[in-house]
Amino acid sequence: MSSRLPLKKGYVLKGYSLGEVLGGGGFSLVYLASQELSRKNFVIKEYCPQGLVTRNADGSITISSTMNQGPFNNGLQKFIVEATALKELNHPNMVSVTDSFKANNTVYIVMAREEGKDLQWFISKLRENLDLAFMKQVFTRIGDGLHRVHQLGLVHLDVKPANILLRKNGEPLLLDFGAAMTVDSEDRFSSFLTVTHGFAPPEQYLDEPLGPWTDIYGLGATMYNCITGKPPPPALRRKDGVALEPLTVKWAGKYPFELLKAVESSLSLNPQERPQSIEAFMAYSFESPG
């Protein structure tokens, strides 16, 4: 079986000295790093798909079998799309890429290191204090960033509390564009499809069109999680009859009716019944009277 051991601490990569491994998903490893000249901290994401590659003694990776060449290349192309999109994005509430390069038979993305706690932490520890002011502070800014993502013809496809970092100054930052793809992508069901149960709408499981409405579901599910303290039931369970908690009934005393109604509509199983743009969703949520 192939092994994708991480690069060793202290490994030098294009002027960056690698530190601890911060995490990783099915197709990447994420390292803390410092630039040797400036001593500034960065995060480096390495394309290193689990089950497809083996780490060599010199740090390079080798595709473990000829059968894995196709899946490796497909995932690599998605990784490059992510890097290119983030370079173009240049939005204060979207994670910023400072560099990308090829080395070790793979590709690396360098991102600014940001300090803070993710929204999941706030939901777990401070849910009773996640009031309207908090919701507006976080979601209008994330919504504005997603609007820019959609203008570039991309969808994020993994909006959830764990991917929203709140910096020390309170400014939110949307992380992890690893699942992002162009709206017209034909590579729907590659080996690296990312689906987070509770935050992914039915079309991410099925052969149905993806678009801004897909991210609107994820954003609405994240807002629902802030309000109720738990994520919505997984979309396919909802299609089988599991009910969504009616926000406009239970939470009417704490949040404006318009916000609760907007979140409910964003979680429609039918994409055509959701707000069709982030701008419209934000207007329904936070700019309506009351």
Protein backbone atom coordinates (compact mmCIF):
# COMPACT_ATOMS: atom_id res chain seq x y z
CA MET A 1 0.00 0.00 0.00
CA SER A 2 1.32 3.47 -0.89
CA SER A 3 2.40 5.80 1.89
CA ARG A 4 2.27 9.58 1.81
CA LEU A 5 4.47 10.45 4.77
CA PRO A 6 4.74 14.21 5.29
CA LEU A 7 7.94 16.10 4.61
CA LYS A 8 10.22 16.23 7.64
CA LYS A 9 10.32 19.22 9.95
CA GLY A 10 13.13 21.52 8.85
CA TYR A 11 12.88 20.49 5.19
CA VAL A 12 13.71 23.53 3.03
CA LEU A 13 11.45 24.13 0.08
CA LYS A 14 12.13 27.10 -2.21
CA GLY A 15 13.34 29.26 0.66
CA TYR A 16 10.69 28.09 3.14
CA SER A 17 11.59 26.01 6.18
CA LEU A 18 8.80 23.58 7.01
CA GLY A 19 7.50 23.21 10.55
CA GLU A 20 4.68 21.12 11.96
CA VAL A 21 2.01 19.45 9.88
CA LEU A 22 -1.22 21.41 10.42
CA GLY A 23 -3.50 18.89 8.77
CA GLY A 24 -4.59 17.61 5.42
CA GLY A 25 -7.38 16.00 3.49
CA GLY A 26 -7.69 13.22 0.97
CA PHE A 27 -5.41 14.87 -1.52
CA SER A 28 -3.22 17.37 0.33
CA LEU A 29 -0.96 17.94 3.32
CA VAL A 30 -0.74 21.34 5.03
CA TYR A 31 2.40 22.60 6.77
CA LEU A 32 3.34 25.57 8.90
CA ALA A 33 6.40 27.21 7.33
CA SER A 34 8.66 30.21 7.79
CA GLN A 35 10.43 32.10 5.06
CA GLU A 36 14.14 31.86 5.73
CA LEU A 37 14.94 35.47 4.78
CA SER A 38 11.98 37.36 6.27
CA ARG A 39 11.17 34.90 9.08
CA LYS A 40 7.49 35.48 8.36
CA ASN A 41 5.13 32.55 8.89
CA PHE A 42 3.16 30.98 6.05
CA VAL A 43 1.00 27.96 5.40
CA ILE A 44 2.07 25.64 2.58
CA LYS A 45 -0.33 23.18 1.02
CA GLU A 46 1.18 20.22 -0.83
CA TYR A 47 -0.67 18.19 -3.45
CA CYS A 48 -0.09 14.68 -2.09
CA PRO A 49 -3.12 12.41 -2.66
CA GLN A 50 -3.66 9.61 -0.17
CA GLY A 51 -3.44 6.15 -1.69
CA LEU A 52 -1.92 7.31 -4.98
CA VAL A 53 1.66 8.25 -4.11
CA THR A 54 4.73 7.17 -2.17
CA ARG A 55 7.16 9.56 -0.48
CA ASN A 56 10.80 9.07 -1.46
CA ALA A 57 13.79 9.62 0.82
CA ASP A 58 14.69 12.91 -0.92
CA GLY A 59 11.19 14.33 -0.30
CA SER A 60 9.86 13.81 -3.81
CA ILE A 61 6.75 11.75 -4.47
CA THR A 62 6.20 8.92 -6.93
CA ILE A 63 2.87 7.74 -8.29
CA SER A 64 2.50 4.29 -6.81
CA SER A 65 1.13 2.53 -9.90
CA THR A 66 0.32 3.24 -13.54
CA MET A 67 -3.37 2.83 -12.71
CA ASN A 68 -3.10 5.88 -10.43
CA GLN A 69 -1.70 8.17 -13.12
CA GLY A 70 -5.13 9.35 -14.33
CA PRO A 71 -6.60 10.11 -10.89
CA PHE A 72 -3.34 11.81 -9.87
CA ASN A 73 -3.39 14.07 -12.93
CA ASN A 74 -7.08 14.93 -12.46
CA GLY A 75 -6.51 15.95 -8.86
CA LEU A 76 -3.38 17.90 -9.79
CA GLN A 77 -5.34 19.92 -12.33
CA LYS A 78 -7.95 20.74 -9.67
CA PHE A 79 -5.16 21.81 -7.30
CA ILE A 80 -3.70 24.14 -9.94
CA VAL A 81 -7.17 25.60 -10.60
CA GLU A 82 -7.42 26.33 -6.86
CA ALA A 83 -4.07 28.15 -6.84
CA THR A 84 -4.90 30.18 -9.95
CA ALA A 85 -8.34 31.15 -8.66
CA LEU A 86 -7.03 32.29 -5.29
CA LYS A 87 -4.35 34.42 -6.91
CA GLU A 88 -7.03 36.16 -8.97
CA LEU A 89 -9.48 36.49 -6.08
CA ASN A 90 -7.64 39.07 -3.97
CA HIS A 91 -10.44 39.62 -1.44
CA PRO A 92 -9.88 40.52 2.24
CA ASN A 93 -12.25 37.81 3.47
CA MET A 94 -10.99 35.01 1.22
CA VAL A 95 -7.73 33.17 1.93
CA SER A 96 -4.88 34.73 -0.05
CA VAL A 97 -2.24 32.87 -2.04
CA THR A 98 1.20 34.50 -2.08
CA ASP A 99 2.98 31.94 -4.26
CA SER A 100 2.67 28.57 -5.98
CA PHE A 101 5.37 26.42 -7.51
CA LYS A 102 6.36 22.96 -8.67
CA ALA A 103 8.82 20.78 -6.74
CA ASN A 104 9.20 17.15 -5.68
CA ASN A 105 7.09 16.00 -8.68
CA THR A 106 4.09 17.86 -7.32
CA VAL A 107 2.71 21.38 -6.73
CA TYR A 108 2.68 23.62 -3.66
CA ILE A 109 0.46 26.57 -2.71
CA VAL A 110 1.80 29.18 -0.27
CA MET A 111 -0.74 31.13 1.77
CA ALA A 112 -0.52 33.85 4.38
CA ARG A 113 -0.60 32.52 7.94
CA GLU A 114 -3.65 33.86 9.79
CA GLU A 115 -4.25 33.70 13.54
CA GLY A 116 -7.67 33.08 15.04
CA LYS A 117 -10.31 30.44 15.77
CA ASP A 118 -12.68 28.82 13.35
CA LEU A 119 -16.43 29.38 13.46
CA GLN A 120 -16.97 25.82 14.70
CA TRP A 121 -15.15 26.80 17.91
CA PHE A 122 -17.49 29.76 18.39
CA ILE A 123 -20.55 27.58 17.79
CA SER A 124 -19.31 25.03 20.35
CA LYS A 125 -18.25 27.52 23.03
CA LEU A 126 -20.32 30.67 22.56
CA ARG A 127 -23.51 29.73 20.75
CA GLU A 128 -25.76 31.67 23.13
CA ASN A 129 -23.86 34.84 22.20
CA LEU A 130 -24.01 34.42 18.42
CA ASP A 131 -26.54 37.21 18.06
CA LEU A 132 -27.66 39.19 15.03
CA ALA A 133 -24.65 41.55 15.22
CA PHE A 134 -22.25 38.58 15.19
CA MET A 135 -24.10 36.94 12.29
CA LYS A 136 -24.04 40.14 10.27
CA GLN A 137 -20.34 40.74 10.98
CA VAL A 138 -19.39 37.27 9.74
CA PHE A 139 -21.79 36.49 6.94
CA THR A 140 -22.05 39.77 5.07
CA ARG A 141 -18.27 39.70 4.61
CA ILE A 142 -18.09 36.04 3.69
CA GLY A 143 -21.04 36.60 1.35
CA ASP A 144 -19.23 39.47 -0.35
CA GLY A 145 -16.20 37.26 -0.88
CA LEU A 146 -18.30 34.42 -2.30
CA HIS A 147 -19.93 36.91 -4.66
CA ARG A 148 -16.44 37.64 -6.03
CA VAL A 149 -15.73 33.89 -6.31
CA HIS A 150 -18.90 33.46 -8.36
CA GLN A 151 -18.00 36.43 -10.56
CA LEU A 152 -14.84 34.50 -11.50
CA GLY A 153 -17.00 31.58 -12.63
CA LEU A 154 -16.10 29.39 -9.66
CA VAL A 155 -17.99 27.67 -6.86
CA HIS A 156 -16.37 26.90 -3.49
CA LEU A 157 -18.37 23.71 -2.73
CA ASP A 158 -17.26 23.32 0.89
CA VAL A 159 -18.68 26.25 2.87
CA LYS A 160 -18.96 25.18 6.51
CA PRO A 161 -18.03 26.47 10.00
CA ALA A 162 -14.66 24.67 10.05
CA ASN A 163 -13.65 26.57 6.90
CA ILE A 164 -14.42 30.04 8.29
CA LEU A 165 -11.66 31.51 10.43
CA LEU A 166 -12.31 34.49 12.68
CA ARG A 167 -9.13 36.50 12.98
CA LYS A 168 -8.15 38.23 16.19
CA ASN A 169 -9.67 41.50 14.93
CA GLY A 170 -13.00 39.74 14.29
CA GLU A 171 -12.69 39.74 10.50
CA PRO A 172 -13.81 36.41 9.00
CA LEU A 173 -11.81 34.51 6.40
CA LEU A 174 -13.09 31.71 4.16
CA LEU A 175 -10.49 28.95 3.87
CA ASP A 176 -9.88 25.79 1.85
CA PHE A 177 -10.72 26.11 -1.81
CA GLY A 178 -9.64 22.50 -2.34
CA ALA A 179 -13.07 21.48 -3.62
CA ALA A 180 -13.54 24.55 -5.83
CA MET A 181 -14.25 24.09 -9.51
CA THR A 182 -15.50 26.07 -12.44
CA VAL A 183 -19.27 26.20 -12.85
CA ASP A 184 -19.03 24.39 -16.21
CA SER A 185 -16.60 21.71 -15.01
CA GLU A 186 -17.15 18.24 -16.43
CA ASP A 187 -15.02 16.65 -13.72
CA ARG A 188 -17.89 16.25 -11.27
CA PHE A 189 -17.08 12.83 -9.91
CA SER A 190 -13.31 12.62 -9.77
CA SER A 191 -11.56 10.72 -6.98
CA PHE A 192 -11.38 13.94 -4.97
CA LEU A 193 -14.99 15.03 -4.68
CA THR A 194 -15.51 16.78 -1.34
CA VAL A 195 -18.91 16.49 0.34
CA THR A 196 -19.53 17.54 3.95
CA HIS A 197 -22.76 15.98 5.20
CA GLY A 198 -25.18 18.59 6.50
CA PHE A 199 -23.61 21.40 4.49
CA ALA A 200 -23.75 19.92 0.98
CA PRO A 201 -27.01 20.18 -1.00
CA PRO A 202 -28.49 17.28 -3.00
CA GLU A 203 -26.90 18.37 -6.29
CA GLN A 204 -23.43 17.70 -4.89
CA TYR A 205 -24.37 14.05 -4.44
CA LEU A 206 -26.20 13.75 -7.73
CA ASP A 207 -25.52 14.48 -11.40
CA GLU A 208 -27.20 17.89 -11.29
CA PRO A 209 -25.90 21.38 -12.17
CA LEU A 210 -23.72 23.22 -9.67
CA GLY A 211 -23.71 27.00 -9.33
CA PRO A 212 -23.94 29.86 -6.85
CA TRP A 213 -27.08 28.22 -5.46
CA THR A 214 -24.86 25.34 -4.28
CA ASP A 215 -22.67 27.62 -2.16
CA ILE A 216 -25.82 29.43 -0.97
CA TYR A 217 -27.00 26.13 0.54
CA GLY A 218 -23.63 25.70 2.30
CA LEU A 219 -23.68 29.26 3.59
CA GLY A 220 -27.28 28.90 4.77
CA ALA A 221 -26.43 25.61 6.49
CA THR A 222 -23.56 27.36 8.27
CA MET A 223 -25.91 30.12 9.43
CA TYR A 224 -28.42 27.46 10.55
CA ASN A 225 -25.61 25.83 12.55
CA CYS A 226 -24.87 29.17 14.27
CA ILE A 227 -28.55 29.66 15.14
CA THR A 228 -29.43 26.15 16.34
CA GLY A 229 -26.05 24.85 17.49
CA LYS A 230 -26.20 21.89 15.11
CA PRO A 231 -25.93 21.39 11.34
CA PRO A 232 -28.98 20.57 9.23
CA PRO A 233 -29.67 16.88 8.62
CA PRO A 234 -27.74 15.55 5.58
CA ALA A 235 -29.49 16.46 2.34
CA LEU A 236 -30.14 12.89 1.21
CA ARG A 237 -31.74 12.05 4.57
CA ARG A 238 -33.92 15.11 4.17
CA LYS A 239 -34.96 13.85 0.74
CA ASP A 240 -36.00 10.64 2.50
CA GLY A 241 -38.24 12.59 4.87
CA VAL A 242 -36.09 13.77 7.79
CA ALA A 243 -37.46 17.21 8.70
CA LEU A 244 -35.55 20.46 8.98
CA GLU A 245 -36.14 22.39 12.21
CA PRO A 246 -38.50 25.31 11.35
CA LEU A 247 -36.41 28.31 12.34
CA THR A 248 -39.23 30.84 12.01
CA VAL A 249 -41.11 29.04 14.79
CA LYS A 250 -38.50 28.26 17.45
CA TRP A 251 -36.06 31.15 16.98
CA ALA A 252 -38.41 34.03 16.16
CA GLY A 253 -37.74 35.75 19.48
CA LYS A 254 -33.98 35.97 19.02
CA TYR A 255 -33.50 36.74 15.32
CA PRO A 256 -35.49 38.81 12.80
CA PHE A 257 -38.13 36.86 10.88
CA GLU A 258 -36.54 37.92 7.57
CA LEU A 259 -33.20 36.35 8.50
CA LEU A 260 -34.78 33.08 9.62
CA LYS A 261 -36.93 32.90 6.52
CA ALA A 262 -33.93 33.58 4.27
CA VAL A 263 -31.95 30.77 5.89
CA GLU A 264 -34.88 28.38 5.49
CA SER A 265 -35.21 29.26 1.80
CA SER A 266 -31.46 28.82 1.27
CA LEU A 267 -31.84 25.25 2.51
CA SER A 268 -34.51 24.24 0.01
CA LEU A 269 -33.76 20.86 -1.52
CA ASN A 270 -34.86 22.33 -4.86
CA PRO A 271 -32.06 24.64 -6.13
CA GLN A 272 -34.60 26.81 -7.99
CA GLU A 273 -36.37 27.64 -4.72
CA ARG A 274 -33.22 29.06 -3.12
CA PRO A 275 -32.00 32.63 -3.59
CA GLN A 276 -30.17 32.57 -6.92
CA SER A 277 -27.34 34.91 -5.96
CA ILE A 278 -25.33 35.64 -2.83
CA GLU A 279 -26.29 39.31 -3.16
CA ALA A 280 -29.98 38.44 -3.04
CA PHE A 281 -29.47 36.07 -0.11
CA MET A 282 -27.57 38.69 1.90
CA ALA A 283 -30.24 41.31 1.11
CA TYR A 284 -33.03 38.97 2.26
CA SER A 285 -31.04 38.09 5.42
CA PHE A 286 -29.74 41.40 6.69
CA GLU A 287 -31.17 44.36 4.77
CA SER A 288 -34.88 43.74 5.12
CA PRO A 289 -36.91 45.76 7.61
CA GLY A 290 -36.99 44.35 11.12
